[in-house]
Protein backbone atom coordinates (compact mmCIF):
# COMPACT_ATOMS: atom_id res chain seq x y z
CA MET A 1 18.47 29.15 -62.46
CA LYS A 2 20.65 31.28 -60.50
CA SER A 3 21.35 28.59 -57.95
CA GLU A 4 22.34 25.90 -60.55
CA ALA A 5 25.92 25.04 -60.96
CA VAL A 6 27.83 26.45 -63.74
CA LEU A 7 28.87 23.91 -66.29
CA GLY A 8 32.40 24.13 -68.14
CA ILE A 9 34.31 25.34 -65.20
CA LYS A 10 37.88 23.97 -65.03
CA PRO A 11 38.77 22.76 -61.48
CA GLU A 12 42.56 23.12 -62.03
CA ILE A 13 41.90 26.73 -62.91
CA LEU A 14 40.00 27.24 -59.62
CA ARG A 15 42.61 25.79 -57.64
CA TRP A 16 45.36 27.72 -59.69
CA ALA A 17 43.47 31.10 -59.07
CA ARG A 18 43.24 30.55 -55.38
CA THR A 19 47.02 29.57 -54.82
CA THR A 20 48.17 32.55 -57.12
CA VAL A 21 46.30 35.06 -54.79
CA GLY A 22 47.92 33.10 -51.60
CA MET A 23 44.50 32.16 -50.17
CA SER A 24 43.61 29.11 -48.48
CA ILE A 25 40.49 26.91 -49.08
CA SER A 26 39.19 28.27 -45.72
CA GLU A 27 39.84 31.80 -46.60
CA VAL A 28 37.82 31.44 -49.79
CA ALA A 29 35.24 29.53 -47.99
CA ASP A 30 34.95 32.48 -45.42
CA SER A 31 34.81 35.03 -48.30
CA LEU A 32 31.71 33.35 -49.94
CA LYS A 33 30.11 32.18 -46.69
CA ARG A 34 30.36 28.57 -47.60
CA LYS A 35 31.74 25.41 -46.01
CA PRO A 36 35.62 24.65 -46.82
CA GLU A 37 34.37 21.17 -48.09
CA GLU A 38 32.31 22.91 -50.77
CA ILE A 39 35.33 24.76 -52.20
CA GLU A 40 37.36 21.48 -52.21
CA ALA A 41 34.58 19.91 -54.06
CA TRP A 42 34.67 22.55 -56.77
CA GLU A 43 38.49 22.26 -56.93
CA ALA A 44 38.37 18.44 -57.21
CA GLY A 45 35.67 18.81 -59.88
CA HIS A 46 32.84 17.01 -57.92
CA SER A 47 30.68 20.06 -58.04
CA ALA A 48 30.80 23.73 -59.31
CA PRO A 49 29.88 27.32 -58.05
CA THR A 50 26.64 28.95 -59.12
CA TYR A 51 27.01 31.85 -61.53
CA PRO A 52 26.89 34.46 -58.71
CA GLN A 53 29.42 32.58 -56.59
CA LEU A 54 31.70 32.40 -59.74
CA GLU A 55 31.32 36.24 -60.44
CA LYS A 56 32.37 36.85 -56.85
CA LEU A 57 35.40 34.40 -57.17
CA ALA A 58 36.56 35.97 -60.32
CA TYR A 59 36.05 39.63 -59.86
CA GLN A 60 36.13 40.22 -55.95
CA ILE A 61 38.25 37.44 -54.65
CA TYR A 62 40.78 36.21 -57.23
CA LYS A 63 40.70 39.32 -59.41
CA ARG A 64 40.68 37.49 -62.63
CA PRO A 65 38.42 37.70 -66.06
CA LEU A 66 35.62 35.32 -65.73
CA ALA A 67 36.51 33.69 -68.99
CA VAL A 68 39.73 32.37 -67.32
CA PHE A 69 37.65 29.75 -65.46
CA PHE A 70 36.52 28.03 -68.58
CA ARG A 71 39.91 27.68 -70.21
CA THR A 72 41.56 24.19 -70.62
CA ALA A 73 44.76 24.27 -68.59
CA ARG A 74 47.90 23.24 -70.40
CA GLY A 75 51.53 22.66 -69.02
CA ASN A 76 52.07 25.54 -66.68
CA HIS A 77 48.90 27.57 -66.06
CA ALA A 78 50.60 30.68 -65.92
CA THR A 79 54.24 31.71 -66.21
CA ALA A 80 55.86 34.99 -65.53
CA GLY A 81 57.24 36.74 -68.79
CA ASN A 82 56.28 37.17 -72.36
CA SER A 83 56.02 35.06 -75.55
CA GLU A 84 59.32 34.92 -77.37
CA HIS A 85 58.18 35.57 -80.65
CA CYS A 86 55.81 38.42 -80.09
CA ARG A 87 54.75 40.99 -77.41
CA LYS A 88 50.92 41.18 -78.47
CA PRO A 89 48.44 40.82 -75.46
CA THR A 90 46.93 37.79 -77.33
CA CYS A 91 48.80 35.65 -79.73
CA LYS A 92 47.16 33.10 -82.06
CA HIS A 93 50.49 31.34 -82.72
CA CYS A 94 51.19 30.46 -79.22
CA GLN A 95 47.59 30.35 -78.12
CA GLU A 96 48.23 32.24 -74.86
CA ILE A 97 46.65 35.46 -73.09
CA LEU A 98 48.64 38.00 -71.64
CA ILE A 99 47.30 39.20 -68.37
CA CYS A 100 48.76 42.18 -66.54
CA LYS A 101 47.99 42.36 -63.07
CA SER A 102 49.58 44.69 -60.52
CA GLY A 103 52.68 44.98 -62.74
CA VAL A 104 52.88 41.24 -62.91
CA ARG A 105 52.70 39.71 -66.44
CA MET A 106 51.53 36.17 -66.75
CA LEU A 107 50.65 34.11 -69.59
CA ILE A 108 47.63 31.67 -69.53
CA LYS A 109 47.68 29.01 -71.99
CA LEU A 110 44.55 28.46 -74.01
CA LEU A 111 43.02 25.52 -75.97
């Protein structure tokens, strides 16, 4: 079961997470000891990482909560700043999650 691909991962979120940390596909592949073609396939939606691979991507490489990779991307995946109508970490009205990472605030749009 650990070697099965995880269902429901959003490829556009994988791509966003990689680019926001400034890593190339080759660097991610090296970190996971995988071929770059495999990472490209994940980001294209042709395949998906296993759960252990996804955990390593989320926590060690991209420094993101695991749940982020299952969200549907809408519009800008992340924008600097905060919601105009509230300052709560989560807001049901705007359906965004505020993530504070190294002093940078980003909003991730949810379903």
